[in-house]
Amino acid sequence: MLSIFLTATGADQAVGMGLVGFSLLLFTYYTIWVIILPFVDSDHVAHQYFLQREYSVILPGIAALILLLSVGTFIGVVTWKNRKPKKVD
């Protein structure tokens, strides 16, 4: 019975691989942008493929804020729906 819940369909595997590929691409882009690019001359052609350095702090900050707001909203909604009415004696 447990094996029913552990098997993934082909669509689930494709979505999972897509998410892993996207995460790997995003991690590689950000690593090159933040760690390697500051050591490359500013007139090098590689700089045209990356945003300005200020965005390397702003974008993850916005993403973290959205994540925290989403998690907080989810917890608030679940808590609100699961509260029990007070018994009147």
PDB file of N, CA and C in Angstrom:
ATOM      1  N   MET A   1       0.828  -1.193   0.000  1.00  0.00           N
ATOM      2  CA  MET A   1       0.000   0.000   0.000  1.00  0.00           C
ATOM      3  C   MET A   1       0.872   1.257   0.000  1.00  0.00           C
ATOM      4  N   LEU A   2       1.992   1.236   0.705  1.00  0.00           N
ATOM      5  CA  LEU A   2       2.866   2.397   0.768  1.00  0.00           C
ATOM      6  C   LEU A   2       3.496   2.694  -0.585  1.00  0.00           C
ATOM      7  N   SER A   3       3.700   1.662  -1.397  1.00  0.00           N
ATOM      8  CA  SER A   3       4.329   1.883  -2.699  1.00  0.00           C
ATOM      9  C   SER A   3       3.446   2.712  -3.624  1.00  0.00           C
ATOM     10  N   ILE A   4       2.152   2.768  -3.353  1.00  0.00           N
ATOM     11  CA  ILE A   4       1.262   3.581  -4.173  1.00  0.00           C
ATOM     12  C   ILE A   4       1.624   5.051  -4.032  1.00  0.00           C
ATOM     13  N   PHE A   5       1.966   5.462  -2.822  1.00  0.00           N
ATOM     14  CA  PHE A   5       2.266   6.859  -2.575  1.00  0.00           C
ATOM     15  C   PHE A   5       3.690   7.238  -2.968  1.00  0.00           C
ATOM     16  N   LEU A   6       4.554   6.278  -3.177  1.00  0.00           N
ATOM     17  CA  LEU A   6       5.944   6.560  -3.477  1.00  0.00           C
ATOM     18  C   LEU A   6       6.253   6.551  -4.965  1.00  0.00           C
ATOM     19  N   THR A   7       5.322   6.125  -5.780  1.00  0.00           N
ATOM     20  CA  THR A   7       5.579   6.098  -7.213  1.00  0.00           C
ATOM     21  C   THR A   7       5.154   7.423  -7.829  1.00  0.00           C
ATOM     22  N   ALA A   8       5.986   7.937  -8.674  1.00  0.00           N
ATOM     23  CA  ALA A   8       5.689   9.194  -9.357  1.00  0.00           C
ATOM     24  C   ALA A   8       5.366   8.890 -10.814  1.00  0.00           C
ATOM     25  N   THR A   9       4.415   9.605 -11.327  1.00  0.00           N
ATOM     26  CA  THR A   9       4.060   9.428 -12.726  1.00  0.00           C
ATOM     27  C   THR A   9       5.109  10.114 -13.605  1.00  0.00           C
ATOM     28  N   GLY A  10       5.005   9.879 -14.883  1.00  0.00           N
ATOM     29  CA  GLY A  10       5.940  10.507 -15.806  1.00  0.00           C
ATOM     30  C   GLY A  10       5.836  12.017 -15.795  1.00  0.00           C
ATOM     31  N   ALA A  11       4.615  12.519 -15.630  1.00  0.00           N
ATOM     32  CA  ALA A  11       4.415  13.970 -15.584  1.00  0.00           C
ATOM     33  C   ALA A  11       5.065  14.561 -14.332  1.00  0.00           C
ATOM     34  N   ASP A  12       4.927  13.859 -13.194  1.00  0.00           N
ATOM     35  CA  ASP A  12       5.553  14.337 -11.957  1.00  0.00           C
ATOM     36  C   ASP A  12       7.071  14.364 -12.090  1.00  0.00           C
ATOM     37  N   GLN A  13       7.617  13.349 -12.705  1.00  0.00           N
ATOM     38  CA  GLN A  13       9.065  13.299 -12.898  1.00  0.00           C
ATOM     39  C   GLN A  13       9.527  14.400 -13.841  1.00  0.00           C
ATOM     40  N   ALA A  14       8.758  14.672 -14.873  1.00  0.00           N
ATOM     41  CA  ALA A  14       9.123  15.740 -15.818  1.00  0.00           C
ATOM     42  C   ALA A  14       9.083  17.103 -15.135  1.00  0.00           C
ATOM     43  N   VAL A  15       8.053  17.341 -14.332  1.00  0.00           N
ATOM     44  CA  VAL A  15       7.963  18.607 -13.608  1.00  0.00           C
ATOM     45  C   VAL A  15       9.114  18.727 -12.615  1.00  0.00           C
ATOM     46  N   GLY A  16       9.414  17.634 -11.924  1.00  0.00           N
ATOM     47  CA  GLY A  16      10.527  17.638 -10.970  1.00  0.00           C
ATOM     48  C   GLY A  16      11.859  17.915 -11.642  1.00  0.00           C
ATOM     49  N   MET A  17      12.101  17.282 -12.763  1.00  0.00           N
ATOM     50  CA  MET A  17      13.343  17.521 -13.488  1.00  0.00           C
ATOM     51  C   MET A  17      13.401  18.945 -14.031  1.00  0.00           C
ATOM     52  N   GLY A  18      12.260  19.466 -14.444  1.00  0.00           N
ATOM     53  CA  GLY A  18      12.211  20.849 -14.904  1.00  0.00           C
ATOM     54  C   GLY A  18      12.553  21.825 -13.780  1.00  0.00           C
ATOM     55  N   LEU A  19      12.017  21.576 -12.589  1.00  0.00           N
ATOM     56  CA  LEU A  19      12.319  22.427 -11.439  1.00  0.00           C
ATOM     57  C   LEU A  19      13.789  22.324 -11.036  1.00  0.00           C
ATOM     58  N   VAL A  20      14.327  21.132 -11.079  1.00  0.00           N
ATOM     59  CA  VAL A  20      15.752  20.954 -10.765  1.00  0.00           C
ATOM     60  C   VAL A  20      16.610  21.670 -11.799  1.00  0.00           C
ATOM     61  N   GLY A  21      16.269  21.537 -13.066  1.00  0.00           N
ATOM     62  CA  GLY A  21      17.020  22.216 -14.122  1.00  0.00           C
ATOM     63  C   GLY A  21      16.949  23.731 -13.995  1.00  0.00           C
ATOM     64  N   PHE A  22      15.752  24.258 -13.698  1.00  0.00           N
ATOM     65  CA  PHE A  22      15.592  25.697 -13.514  1.00  0.00           C
ATOM     66  C   PHE A  22      16.396  26.185 -12.321  1.00  0.00           C
ATOM     67  N   SER A  23      16.358  25.439 -11.232  1.00  0.00           N
ATOM     68  CA  SER A  23      17.111  25.819 -10.031  1.00  0.00           C
ATOM     69  C   SER A  23      18.609  25.802 -10.300  1.00  0.00           C
ATOM     70  N   LEU A  24      19.078  24.812 -11.019  1.00  0.00           N
ATOM     71  CA  LEU A  24      20.495  24.726 -11.356  1.00  0.00           C
ATOM     72  C   LEU A  24      20.910  25.892 -12.265  1.00  0.00           C
ATOM     73  N   LEU A  25      20.080  26.217 -13.234  1.00  0.00           N
ATOM     74  CA  LEU A  25      20.365  27.339 -14.119  1.00  0.00           C
ATOM     75  C   LEU A  25      20.393  28.659 -13.347  1.00  0.00           C
ATOM     76  N   LEU A  26      19.423  28.861 -12.468  1.00  0.00           N
ATOM     77  CA  LEU A  26      19.365  30.077 -11.666  1.00  0.00           C
ATOM     78  C   LEU A  26      20.558  30.183 -10.722  1.00  0.00           C
ATOM     79  N   PHE A  27      20.935  29.082 -10.093  1.00  0.00           N
ATOM     80  CA  PHE A  27      22.080  29.067  -9.193  1.00  0.00           C
ATOM     81  C   PHE A  27      23.370  29.383  -9.951  1.00  0.00           C
ATOM     82  N   THR A  28      23.544  28.797 -11.119  1.00  0.00           N
ATOM     83  CA  THR A  28      24.744  29.039 -11.925  1.00  0.00           C
ATOM     84  C   THR A  28      24.814  30.497 -12.370  1.00  0.00           C
ATOM     85  N   TYR A  29      23.696  31.039 -12.846  1.00  0.00           N
ATOM     86  CA  TYR A  29      23.652  32.436 -13.284  1.00  0.00           C
ATOM     87  C   TYR A  29      24.007  33.363 -12.139  1.00  0.00           C
ATOM     88  N   TYR A  30      23.382  33.161 -10.977  1.00  0.00           N
ATOM     89  CA  TYR A  30      23.608  34.036  -9.830  1.00  0.00           C
ATOM     90  C   TYR A  30      25.042  33.919  -9.323  1.00  0.00           C
ATOM     91  N   THR A  31      25.598  32.714  -9.310  1.00  0.00           N
ATOM     92  CA  THR A  31      26.966  32.514  -8.854  1.00  0.00           C
ATOM     93  C   THR A  31      27.952  33.235  -9.761  1.00  0.00           C
ATOM     94  N   ILE A  32      27.780  33.108 -11.056  1.00  0.00           N
ATOM     95  CA  ILE A  32      28.665  33.803 -11.993  1.00  0.00           C
ATOM     96  C   ILE A  32      28.509  35.313 -11.829  1.00  0.00           C
ATOM     97  N   TRP A  33      27.262  35.775 -11.679  1.00  0.00           N
ATOM     98  CA  TRP A  33      26.957  37.191 -11.578  1.00  0.00           C
ATOM     99  C   TRP A  33      27.563  37.830 -10.336  1.00  0.00           C
ATOM    100  N   VAL A  34      27.473  37.130  -9.209  1.00  0.00           N
ATOM    101  CA  VAL A  34      27.884  37.728  -7.935  1.00  0.00           C
ATOM    102  C   VAL A  34      29.342  37.425  -7.582  1.00  0.00           C
ATOM    103  N   ILE A  35      29.833  36.249  -7.909  1.00  0.00           N
ATOM    104  CA  ILE A  35      31.171  35.848  -7.461  1.00  0.00           C
ATOM    105  C   ILE A  35      32.234  36.067  -8.531  1.00  0.00           C
ATOM    106  N   ILE A  36      31.952  35.732  -9.763  1.00  0.00           N
ATOM    107  CA  ILE A  36      32.986  35.768 -10.805  1.00  0.00           C
ATOM    108  C   ILE A  36      33.035  37.109 -11.535  1.00  0.00           C
ATOM    109  N   LEU A  37      31.860  37.672 -11.852  1.00  0.00           N
ATOM    110  CA  LEU A  37      31.812  38.876 -12.678  1.00  0.00           C
ATOM    111  C   LEU A  37      32.510  40.097 -12.084  1.00  0.00           C
ATOM    112  N   PRO A  38      32.536  40.295 -10.765  1.00  0.00           N
ATOM    113  CA  PRO A  38      33.271  41.460 -10.254  1.00  0.00           C
ATOM    114  C   PRO A  38      34.769  41.438 -10.570  1.00  0.00           C
ATOM    115  N   PHE A  39      35.321  40.286 -10.869  1.00  0.00           N
ATOM    116  CA  PHE A  39      36.744  40.175 -11.188  1.00  0.00           C
ATOM    117  C   PHE A  39      37.034  40.286 -12.679  1.00  0.00           C
ATOM    118  N   VAL A  40      35.988  40.451 -13.490  1.00  0.00           N
ATOM    119  CA  VAL A  40      36.142  40.578 -14.934  1.00  0.00           C
ATOM    120  C   VAL A  40      36.090  42.064 -15.281  1.00  0.00           C
ATOM    121  N   ASP A  41      36.884  42.482 -16.247  1.00  0.00           N
ATOM    122  CA  ASP A  41      36.897  43.884 -16.671  1.00  0.00           C
ATOM    123  C   ASP A  41      35.500  44.352 -17.047  1.00  0.00           C
ATOM    124  N   SER A  42      35.202  45.600 -16.724  1.00  0.00           N
ATOM    125  CA  SER A  42      33.845  46.120 -16.953  1.00  0.00           C
ATOM    126  C   SER A  42      33.515  46.287 -18.435  1.00  0.00           C
ATOM    127  N   ASP A  43      34.500  46.324 -19.304  1.00  0.00           N
ATOM    128  CA  ASP A  43      34.220  46.443 -20.737  1.00  0.00           C
ATOM    129  C   ASP A  43      34.157  45.082 -21.438  1.00  0.00           C
ATOM    130  N   HIS A  44      34.241  44.007 -20.686  1.00  0.00           N
ATOM    131  CA  HIS A  44      34.169  42.660 -21.269  1.00  0.00           C
ATOM    132  C   HIS A  44      32.744  42.393 -21.756  1.00  0.00           C
ATOM    133  N   VAL A  45      32.629  41.594 -22.800  1.00  0.00           N
ATOM    134  CA  VAL A  45      31.339  41.300 -23.424  1.00  0.00           C
ATOM    135  C   VAL A  45      30.408  40.521 -22.486  1.00  0.00           C
ATOM    136  N   ALA A  46      30.927  39.840 -21.506  1.00  0.00           N
ATOM    137  CA  ALA A  46      30.093  39.047 -20.593  1.00  0.00           C
ATOM    138  C   ALA A  46      29.167  39.914 -19.752  1.00  0.00           C
ATOM    139  N   HIS A  47      29.517  41.154 -19.537  1.00  0.00           N
ATOM    140  CA  HIS A  47      28.702  42.032 -18.701  1.00  0.00           C
ATOM    141  C   HIS A  47      27.346  42.361 -19.324  1.00  0.00           C
ATOM    142  N   GLN A  48      27.215  42.226 -20.623  1.00  0.00           N
ATOM    143  CA  GLN A  48      25.945  42.549 -21.268  1.00  0.00           C
ATOM    144  C   GLN A  48      24.870  41.499 -20.985  1.00  0.00           C
ATOM    145  N   TYR A  49      25.259  40.317 -20.503  1.00  0.00           N
ATOM    146  CA  TYR A  49      24.308  39.256 -20.214  1.00  0.00           C
ATOM    147  C   TYR A  49      23.808  39.274 -18.776  1.00  0.00           C
ATOM    148  N   PHE A  50      24.283  40.193 -17.968  1.00  0.00           N
ATOM    149  CA  PHE A  50      23.932  40.240 -16.552  1.00  0.00           C
ATOM    150  C   PHE A  50      23.394  41.617 -16.194  1.00  0.00           C
ATOM    151  N   LEU A  51      22.529  41.642 -15.188  1.00  0.00           N
ATOM    152  CA  LEU A  51      21.998  42.901 -14.687  1.00  0.00           C
ATOM    153  C   LEU A  51      23.066  43.641 -13.890  1.00  0.00           C
ATOM    154  N   GLN A  52      22.744  44.878 -13.493  1.00  0.00           N
ATOM    155  CA  GLN A  52      23.672  45.639 -12.669  1.00  0.00           C
ATOM    156  C   GLN A  52      23.813  44.967 -11.304  1.00  0.00           C
ATOM    157  N   ARG A  53      24.922  45.241 -10.614  1.00  0.00           N
ATOM    158  CA  ARG A  53      25.208  44.567  -9.349  1.00  0.00           C
ATOM    159  C   ARG A  53      24.222  44.898  -8.245  1.00  0.00           C
ATOM    160  N   GLU A  54      23.587  46.061  -8.302  1.00  0.00           N
ATOM    161  CA  GLU A  54      22.632  46.436  -7.264  1.00  0.00           C
ATOM    162  C   GLU A  54      21.479  45.430  -7.182  1.00  0.00           C
ATOM    163  N   TYR A  55      21.110  44.892  -8.323  1.00  0.00           N
ATOM    164  CA  TYR A  55      20.015  43.938  -8.364  1.00  0.00           C
ATOM    165  C   TYR A  55      20.369  42.602  -7.717  1.00  0.00           C
ATOM    166  N   SER A  56      21.642  42.331  -7.531  1.00  0.00           N
ATOM    167  CA  SER A  56      22.033  41.070  -6.899  1.00  0.00           C
ATOM    168  C   SER A  56      21.637  41.031  -5.430  1.00  0.00           C
ATOM    169  N   VAL A  57      21.355  42.182  -4.844  1.00  0.00           N
ATOM    170  CA  VAL A  57      20.865  42.238  -3.468  1.00  0.00           C
ATOM    171  C   VAL A  57      19.362  42.489  -3.449  1.00  0.00           C
ATOM    172  N   ILE A  58      18.890  43.327  -4.352  1.00  0.00           N
ATOM    173  CA  ILE A  58      17.481  43.708  -4.360  1.00  0.00           C
ATOM    174  C   ILE A  58      16.572  42.526  -4.720  1.00  0.00           C
ATOM    175  N   LEU A  59      16.899  41.782  -5.760  1.00  0.00           N
ATOM    176  CA  LEU A  59      16.031  40.693  -6.210  1.00  0.00           C
ATOM    177  C   LEU A  59      15.885  39.570  -5.187  1.00  0.00           C
ATOM    178  N   PRO A  60      16.974  39.065  -4.565  1.00  0.00           N
ATOM    179  CA  PRO A  60      16.775  38.057  -3.526  1.00  0.00           C
ATOM    180  C   PRO A  60      16.029  38.605  -2.306  1.00  0.00           C
ATOM    181  N   GLY A  61      16.206  39.892  -2.004  1.00  0.00           N
ATOM    182  CA  GLY A  61      15.457  40.494  -0.904  1.00  0.00           C
ATOM    183  C   GLY A  61      13.967  40.519  -1.175  1.00  0.00           C
ATOM    184  N   ILE A  62      13.595  40.887  -2.393  1.00  0.00           N
ATOM    185  CA  ILE A  62      12.184  40.886  -2.773  1.00  0.00           C
ATOM    186  C   ILE A  62      11.626  39.461  -2.764  1.00  0.00           C
ATOM    187  N   ALA A  63      12.417  38.516  -3.267  1.00  0.00           N
ATOM    188  CA  ALA A  63      11.964  37.118  -3.270  1.00  0.00           C
ATOM    189  C   ALA A  63      11.771  36.600  -1.844  1.00  0.00           C
ATOM    190  N   ALA A  64      12.685  36.948  -0.942  1.00  0.00           N
ATOM    191  CA  ALA A  64      12.551  36.523   0.460  1.00  0.00           C
ATOM    192  C   ALA A  64      11.325  37.162   1.096  1.00  0.00           C
ATOM    193  N   LEU A  65      11.072  38.428   0.810  1.00  0.00           N
ATOM    194  CA  LEU A  65       9.899  39.101   1.349  1.00  0.00           C
ATOM    195  C   LEU A  65       8.609  38.452   0.856  1.00  0.00           C
ATOM    196  N   ILE A  66       8.548  38.141  -0.423  1.00  0.00           N
ATOM    197  CA  ILE A  66       7.366  37.467  -0.980  1.00  0.00           C
ATOM    198  C   ILE A  66       7.189  36.094  -0.355  1.00  0.00           C
ATOM    199  N   LEU A  67       8.288  35.357  -0.173  1.00  0.00           N
ATOM    200  CA  LEU A  67       8.213  34.040   0.457  1.00  0.00           C
ATOM    201  C   LEU A  67       7.699  34.136   1.883  1.00  0.00           C
ATOM    202  N   LEU A  68       8.235  35.068   2.668  1.00  0.00           N
ATOM    203  CA  LEU A  68       7.786  35.227   4.047  1.00  0.00           C
ATOM    204  C   LEU A  68       6.321  35.659   4.124  1.00  0.00           C
ATOM    205  N   LEU A  69       5.910  36.561   3.253  1.00  0.00           N
ATOM    206  CA  LEU A  69       4.511  36.975   3.226  1.00  0.00           C
ATOM    207  C   LEU A  69       3.592  35.814   2.833  1.00  0.00           C
ATOM    208  N   SER A  70       4.020  34.999   1.884  1.00  0.00           N
ATOM    209  CA  SER A  70       3.213  33.854   1.461  1.00  0.00           C
ATOM    210  C   SER A  70       3.081  32.825   2.578  1.00  0.00           C
ATOM    211  N   VAL A  71       4.180  32.512   3.229  1.00  0.00           N
ATOM    212  CA  VAL A  71       4.142  31.542   4.326  1.00  0.00           C
ATOM    213  C   VAL A  71       3.305  32.081   5.479  1.00  0.00           C
ATOM    214  N   GLY A  72       3.487  33.357   5.812  1.00  0.00           N
ATOM    215  CA  GLY A  72       2.700  33.958   6.887  1.00  0.00           C
ATOM    216  C   GLY A  72       1.216  33.980   6.575  1.00  0.00           C
ATOM    217  N   THR A  73       0.872  34.305   5.338  1.00  0.00           N
ATOM    218  CA  THR A  73      -0.533  34.300   4.926  1.00  0.00           C
ATOM    219  C   THR A  73      -1.109  32.895   4.986  1.00  0.00           C
ATOM    220  N   PHE A  74      -0.355  31.908   4.522  1.00  0.00           N
ATOM    221  CA  PHE A  74      -0.821  30.524   4.562  1.00  0.00           C
ATOM    222  C   PHE A  74      -1.072  30.072   5.995  1.00  0.00           C
ATOM    223  N   ILE A  75      -0.121  30.361   6.882  1.00  0.00           N
ATOM    224  CA  ILE A  75      -0.286  29.971   8.285  1.00  0.00           C
ATOM    225  C   ILE A  75      -1.481  30.689   8.900  1.00  0.00           C
ATOM    226  N   GLY A  76      -1.650  31.966   8.583  1.00  0.00           N
ATOM    227  CA  GLY A  76      -2.795  32.711   9.097  1.00  0.00           C
ATOM    228  C   GLY A  76      -4.124  32.146   8.626  1.00  0.00           C
ATOM    229  N   VAL A  77      -4.215  31.802   7.343  1.00  0.00           N
ATOM    230  CA  VAL A  77      -5.456  31.253   6.798  1.00  0.00           C
ATOM    231  C   VAL A  77      -5.758  29.897   7.421  1.00  0.00           C
ATOM    232  N   VAL A  78      -4.765  29.034   7.538  1.00  0.00           N
ATOM    233  CA  VAL A  78      -4.982  27.710   8.134  1.00  0.00           C
ATOM    234  C   VAL A  78      -5.378  27.848   9.600  1.00  0.00           C
ATOM    235  N   THR A  79      -4.726  28.737  10.321  1.00  0.00           N
ATOM    236  CA  THR A  79      -5.064  28.949  11.728  1.00  0.00           C
ATOM    237  C   THR A  79      -6.480  29.498  11.862  1.00  0.00           C
ATOM    238  N   TRP A  80      -6.853  30.428  11.002  1.00  0.00           N
ATOM    239  CA  TRP A  80      -8.181  31.023  11.055  1.00  0.00           C
ATOM    240  C   TRP A  80      -9.266  29.983  10.770  1.00  0.00           C
ATOM    241  N   LYS A  81      -9.027  29.116   9.790  1.00  0.00           N
ATOM    242  CA  LYS A  81     -10.022  28.101   9.440  1.00  0.00           C
ATOM    243  C   LYS A  81     -10.125  27.002  10.489  1.00  0.00           C
ATOM    244  N   ASN A  82      -9.065  26.739  11.226  1.00  0.00           N
ATOM    245  CA  ASN A  82      -9.074  25.637  12.198  1.00  0.00           C
ATOM    246  C   ASN A  82      -9.469  26.059  13.605  1.00  0.00           C
ATOM    247  N   ARG A  83      -9.773  27.322  13.812  1.00  0.00           N
ATOM    248  CA  ARG A  83     -10.166  27.699  15.178  1.00  0.00           C
ATOM    249  C   ARG A  83     -11.552  27.172  15.471  1.00  0.00           C
ATOM    250  N   LYS A  84     -11.738  26.816  16.719  1.00  0.00           N
ATOM    251  CA  LYS A  84     -13.007  26.219  17.137  1.00  0.00           C
ATOM    252  C   LYS A  84     -13.824  27.273  17.876  1.00  0.00           C
ATOM    253  N   PRO A  85     -15.125  27.259  17.660  1.00  0.00           N
ATOM    254  CA  PRO A  85     -15.964  28.215  18.375  1.00  0.00           C
ATOM    255  C   PRO A  85     -16.004  27.897  19.874  1.00  0.00           C
ATOM    256  N   LYS A  86     -16.149  28.938  20.657  1.00  0.00           N
ATOM    257  CA  LYS A  86     -16.225  28.746  22.106  1.00  0.00           C
ATOM    258  C   LYS A  86     -17.559  28.138  22.474  1.00  0.00           C
ATOM    259  N   LYS A  87     -17.510  27.240  23.465  1.00  0.00           N
ATOM    260  CA  LYS A  87     -18.752  26.619  23.948  1.00  0.00           C
ATOM    261  C   LYS A  87     -19.434  27.569  24.915  1.00  0.00           C
ATOM    262  N   VAL A  88     -20.720  27.673  24.755  1.00  0.00           N
ATOM    263  CA  VAL A  88     -21.506  28.502  25.653  1.00  0.00           C
ATOM    264  C   VAL A  88     -22.171  27.584  26.655  1.00  0.00           C
ATOM    265  N   ASP A  89     -21.915  27.815  27.939  1.00  0.00           N
ATOM    266  CA  ASP A  89     -22.518  26.958  28.982  1.00  0.00           C
ATOM    267  C   ASP A  89     -23.889  27.413  29.348  1.00  0.00           C
TER     268      ASP A  89
END
